[in-house]
Amino acid sequence: MNSQQAKQFLQQVFTALVDPAFTAQEVTAFFSKDYQQNADGNLLNYEEFIQHAQVLKNTLISGKVTLEKVIAEGDRVASVHLVEAVKKNGQKVLMKVIAFYQIENGLITSVEELTHMIHGEAQDRDLGSRVSH
């Protein structure tokens, strides 16, 4: 996968994740069943990630991800991206994320990410890994 292909792939993933028109189950089409995520030290497996996607669907009314940088080398991809979201209560969140992905057979098998909240409420710092309301 080259950097342009990786950017297109990640944009599809993030659109499915933050667009309310997509269900949490539709998001899973991009992830392997043995998926593992480490977001700011919070570890999620595949089932927990599905819960996380559902929490986002229940919390946000809109979202947008802007990929600032994407680098791909074989089955490894790195990105720096901004996540802008509006919660159902009207509060806005803006986060900067640095993430490293492992992709096998067209599916994401793991992600390691660090998030930095630029704007938002302190209780939303865990939006990148939250699995319950």
C-alpha atoms as a PDB file:
ATOM      1  CA  MET A   1       0.000   0.000   0.000  1.00  0.00           C
ATOM      2  CA  ASN A   2       1.447   3.374  -0.951  1.00  0.00           C
ATOM      3  CA  SER A   3       0.775   6.610   0.922  1.00  0.00           C
ATOM      4  CA  GLN A   4      -2.026   7.740  -1.413  1.00  0.00           C
ATOM      5  CA  GLN A   5      -3.810   4.378  -1.129  1.00  0.00           C
ATOM      6  CA  ALA A   6      -3.366   4.470   2.648  1.00  0.00           C
ATOM      7  CA  LYS A   7      -4.824   7.973   2.821  1.00  0.00           C
ATOM      8  CA  GLN A   8      -7.894   6.918   0.813  1.00  0.00           C
ATOM      9  CA  PHE A   9      -8.333   3.796   2.955  1.00  0.00           C
ATOM     10  CA  LEU A  10      -8.040   5.714   6.235  1.00  0.00           C
ATOM     11  CA  GLN A  11     -10.483   8.360   5.010  1.00  0.00           C
ATOM     12  CA  GLN A  12     -13.038   5.608   4.345  1.00  0.00           C
ATOM     13  CA  VAL A  13     -12.437   4.139   7.810  1.00  0.00           C
ATOM     14  CA  PHE A  14     -12.798   7.486   9.572  1.00  0.00           C
ATOM     15  CA  THR A  15     -15.876   8.469   7.578  1.00  0.00           C
ATOM     16  CA  ALA A  16     -17.563   5.239   8.658  1.00  0.00           C
ATOM     17  CA  LEU A  17     -16.479   5.815  12.252  1.00  0.00           C
ATOM     18  CA  VAL A  18     -17.701   9.411  12.707  1.00  0.00           C
ATOM     19  CA  ASP A  19     -20.550   9.686  10.170  1.00  0.00           C
ATOM     20  CA  PRO A  20     -23.884   8.932  11.891  1.00  0.00           C
ATOM     21  CA  ALA A  21     -25.170   7.410   8.632  1.00  0.00           C
ATOM     22  CA  PHE A  22     -22.895   4.385   9.228  1.00  0.00           C
ATOM     23  CA  THR A  23     -23.665   1.832  11.936  1.00  0.00           C
ATOM     24  CA  ALA A  24     -21.052   0.512  14.357  1.00  0.00           C
ATOM     25  CA  GLN A  25     -21.387  -2.871  12.649  1.00  0.00           C
ATOM     26  CA  GLU A  26     -20.539  -1.314   9.256  1.00  0.00           C
ATOM     27  CA  VAL A  27     -17.357   0.121  10.774  1.00  0.00           C
ATOM     28  CA  THR A  28     -16.129  -3.392  11.573  1.00  0.00           C
ATOM     29  CA  ALA A  29     -15.759  -4.172   7.852  1.00  0.00           C
ATOM     30  CA  PHE A  30     -12.358  -2.442   8.006  1.00  0.00           C
ATOM     31  CA  PHE A  31     -10.984  -4.387  10.998  1.00  0.00           C
ATOM     32  CA  SER A  32      -9.743  -7.943  11.521  1.00  0.00           C
ATOM     33  CA  LYS A  33     -11.355 -10.154  14.163  1.00  0.00           C
ATOM     34  CA  ASP A  34      -8.042 -10.204  16.084  1.00  0.00           C
ATOM     35  CA  TYR A  35      -7.837  -6.387  16.119  1.00  0.00           C
ATOM     36  CA  GLN A  36      -5.983  -4.750  19.020  1.00  0.00           C
ATOM     37  CA  GLN A  37      -5.911  -1.026  19.840  1.00  0.00           C
ATOM     38  CA  ASN A  38      -3.753   0.902  22.273  1.00  0.00           C
ATOM     39  CA  ALA A  39      -5.106   4.438  22.608  1.00  0.00           C
ATOM     40  CA  ASP A  40      -3.267   6.482  25.213  1.00  0.00           C
ATOM     41  CA  GLY A  41      -2.522   3.309  27.179  1.00  0.00           C
ATOM     42  CA  ASN A  42      -6.108   2.008  26.997  1.00  0.00           C
ATOM     43  CA  LEU A  43      -6.151  -1.434  25.394  1.00  0.00           C
ATOM     44  CA  LEU A  44      -9.146  -2.564  23.326  1.00  0.00           C
ATOM     45  CA  ASN A  45      -9.733  -5.870  21.574  1.00  0.00           C
ATOM     46  CA  TYR A  46     -12.109  -6.362  18.614  1.00  0.00           C
ATOM     47  CA  GLU A  47     -15.269  -6.686  20.726  1.00  0.00           C
ATOM     48  CA  GLU A  48     -14.339  -3.671  22.846  1.00  0.00           C
ATOM     49  CA  PHE A  49     -13.626  -1.693  19.686  1.00  0.00           C
ATOM     50  CA  ILE A  50     -17.155  -2.446  18.437  1.00  0.00           C
ATOM     51  CA  GLN A  51     -18.441  -1.121  21.782  1.00  0.00           C
ATOM     52  CA  HIS A  52     -16.250   1.957  21.301  1.00  0.00           C
ATOM     53  CA  ALA A  53     -17.681   2.548  17.809  1.00  0.00           C
ATOM     54  CA  GLN A  54     -21.209   2.250  19.227  1.00  0.00           C
ATOM     55  CA  VAL A  55     -20.398   4.747  21.992  1.00  0.00           C
ATOM     56  CA  LEU A  56     -19.202   7.227  19.357  1.00  0.00           C
ATOM     57  CA  LYS A  57     -22.416   6.695  17.376  1.00  0.00           C
ATOM     58  CA  ASN A  58     -24.449   7.340  20.542  1.00  0.00           C
ATOM     59  CA  THR A  59     -22.385  10.377  21.626  1.00  0.00           C
ATOM     60  CA  LEU A  60     -21.740  12.346  18.417  1.00  0.00           C
ATOM     61  CA  ILE A  61     -24.097  14.059  15.995  1.00  0.00           C
ATOM     62  CA  SER A  62     -21.326  14.832  13.526  1.00  0.00           C
ATOM     63  CA  GLY A  63     -17.643  14.380  12.996  1.00  0.00           C
ATOM     64  CA  LYS A  64     -14.877  15.078  10.545  1.00  0.00           C
ATOM     65  CA  VAL A  65     -11.354  13.696  10.292  1.00  0.00           C
ATOM     66  CA  THR A  66      -8.671  15.637   8.437  1.00  0.00           C
ATOM     67  CA  LEU A  67      -5.602  13.607   7.564  1.00  0.00           C
ATOM     68  CA  GLU A  68      -2.630  15.959   7.833  1.00  0.00           C
ATOM     69  CA  LYS A  69       0.111  13.395   7.178  1.00  0.00           C
ATOM     70  CA  VAL A  70       0.042   9.777   6.017  1.00  0.00           C
ATOM     71  CA  ILE A  71       3.082   7.594   5.466  1.00  0.00           C
ATOM     72  CA  ALA A  72       2.844   4.000   4.261  1.00  0.00           C
ATOM     73  CA  GLU A  73       5.482   1.306   4.055  1.00  0.00           C
ATOM     74  CA  GLY A  74       4.143  -2.074   3.018  1.00  0.00           C
ATOM     75  CA  ASP A  75       1.554  -3.162   5.563  1.00  0.00           C
ATOM     76  CA  ARG A  76       2.429  -0.407   8.041  1.00  0.00           C
ATOM     77  CA  VAL A  77       0.801   3.030   7.970  1.00  0.00           C
ATOM     78  CA  ALA A  78       1.284   6.119  10.122  1.00  0.00           C
ATOM     79  CA  SER A  79      -0.958   9.161  10.284  1.00  0.00           C
ATOM     80  CA  VAL A  80      -1.295  12.506  11.966  1.00  0.00           C
ATOM     81  CA  HIS A  81      -4.902  13.633  11.876  1.00  0.00           C
ATOM     82  CA  LEU A  82      -7.366  16.065  13.397  1.00  0.00           C
ATOM     83  CA  VAL A  83     -10.725  14.886  14.690  1.00  0.00           C
ATOM     84  CA  GLU A  84     -13.476  17.505  14.900  1.00  0.00           C
ATOM     85  CA  ALA A  85     -16.733  16.355  16.444  1.00  0.00           C
ATOM     86  CA  VAL A  86     -19.981  17.745  17.792  1.00  0.00           C
ATOM     87  CA  LYS A  87     -21.614  15.873  20.634  1.00  0.00           C
ATOM     88  CA  LYS A  88     -25.374  15.463  20.938  1.00  0.00           C
ATOM     89  CA  ASN A  89     -25.350  18.087  23.714  1.00  0.00           C
ATOM     90  CA  GLY A  90     -23.823  20.607  21.263  1.00  0.00           C
ATOM     91  CA  GLN A  91     -20.336  20.603  22.768  1.00  0.00           C
ATOM     92  CA  LYS A  92     -17.463  20.573  20.292  1.00  0.00           C
ATOM     93  CA  VAL A  93     -14.327  18.473  20.528  1.00  0.00           C
ATOM     94  CA  LEU A  94     -11.084  18.906  18.597  1.00  0.00           C
ATOM     95  CA  MET A  95      -8.277  16.367  18.954  1.00  0.00           C
ATOM     96  CA  LYS A  96      -4.961  15.782  17.270  1.00  0.00           C
ATOM     97  CA  VAL A  97      -4.058  12.109  16.863  1.00  0.00           C
ATOM     98  CA  ILE A  98      -0.795  10.390  15.967  1.00  0.00           C
ATOM     99  CA  ALA A  99      -1.447   6.775  14.999  1.00  0.00           C
ATOM    100  CA  PHE A 100       0.410   3.735  13.698  1.00  0.00           C
ATOM    101  CA  TYR A 101      -1.562   0.993  11.939  1.00  0.00           C
ATOM    102  CA  GLN A 102      -0.796  -2.590  10.959  1.00  0.00           C
ATOM    103  CA  ILE A 103      -2.830  -3.741   7.945  1.00  0.00           C
ATOM    104  CA  GLU A 104      -3.078  -7.330   6.707  1.00  0.00           C
ATOM    105  CA  ASN A 105      -5.212  -8.553   3.812  1.00  0.00           C
ATOM    106  CA  GLY A 106      -6.898  -5.155   3.576  1.00  0.00           C
ATOM    107  CA  LEU A 107      -7.962  -5.118   7.245  1.00  0.00           C
ATOM    108  CA  ILE A 108      -6.560  -3.162  10.176  1.00  0.00           C
ATOM    109  CA  THR A 109      -5.107  -5.606  12.718  1.00  0.00           C
ATOM    110  CA  SER A 110      -3.722  -3.102  15.212  1.00  0.00           C
ATOM    111  CA  VAL A 111      -3.513   0.585  16.029  1.00  0.00           C
ATOM    112  CA  GLU A 112      -1.304   2.416  18.483  1.00  0.00           C
ATOM    113  CA  GLU A 113      -2.321   6.026  18.994  1.00  0.00           C
ATOM    114  CA  LEU A 114      -1.711   9.069  21.106  1.00  0.00           C
ATOM    115  CA  THR A 115      -4.347  11.774  21.298  1.00  0.00           C
ATOM    116  CA  HIS A 116      -4.035  15.390  22.325  1.00  0.00           C
ATOM    117  CA  MET A 117      -7.170  17.363  23.109  1.00  0.00           C
ATOM    118  CA  ILE A 118      -6.984  20.823  21.578  1.00  0.00           C
ATOM    119  CA  HIS A 119     -10.540  21.862  22.463  1.00  0.00           C
ATOM    120  CA  GLY A 120     -13.239  20.222  24.542  1.00  0.00           C
ATOM    121  CA  GLU A 121     -14.269  19.146  28.010  1.00  0.00           C
ATOM    122  CA  ALA A 122     -11.821  17.240  30.227  1.00  0.00           C
ATOM    123  CA  GLN A 123     -14.225  14.291  30.506  1.00  0.00           C
ATOM    124  CA  ASP A 124     -13.937  13.767  26.730  1.00  0.00           C
ATOM    125  CA  ARG A 125     -10.196  13.069  26.729  1.00  0.00           C
ATOM    126  CA  ASP A 126     -11.011   9.357  26.480  1.00  0.00           C
ATOM    127  CA  LEU A 127     -13.171   9.622  23.331  1.00  0.00           C
ATOM    128  CA  GLY A 128     -10.497   7.729  21.392  1.00  0.00           C
ATOM    129  CA  SER A 129     -11.061   4.603  23.481  1.00  0.00           C
ATOM    130  CA  ARG A 130     -14.305   5.050  25.441  1.00  0.00           C
ATOM    131  CA  VAL A 131     -16.368   1.851  25.611  1.00  0.00           C
ATOM    132  CA  SER A 132     -19.213   2.955  27.903  1.00  0.00           C
ATOM    133  CA  HIS A 133     -21.342   6.075  28.283  1.00  0.00           C
END
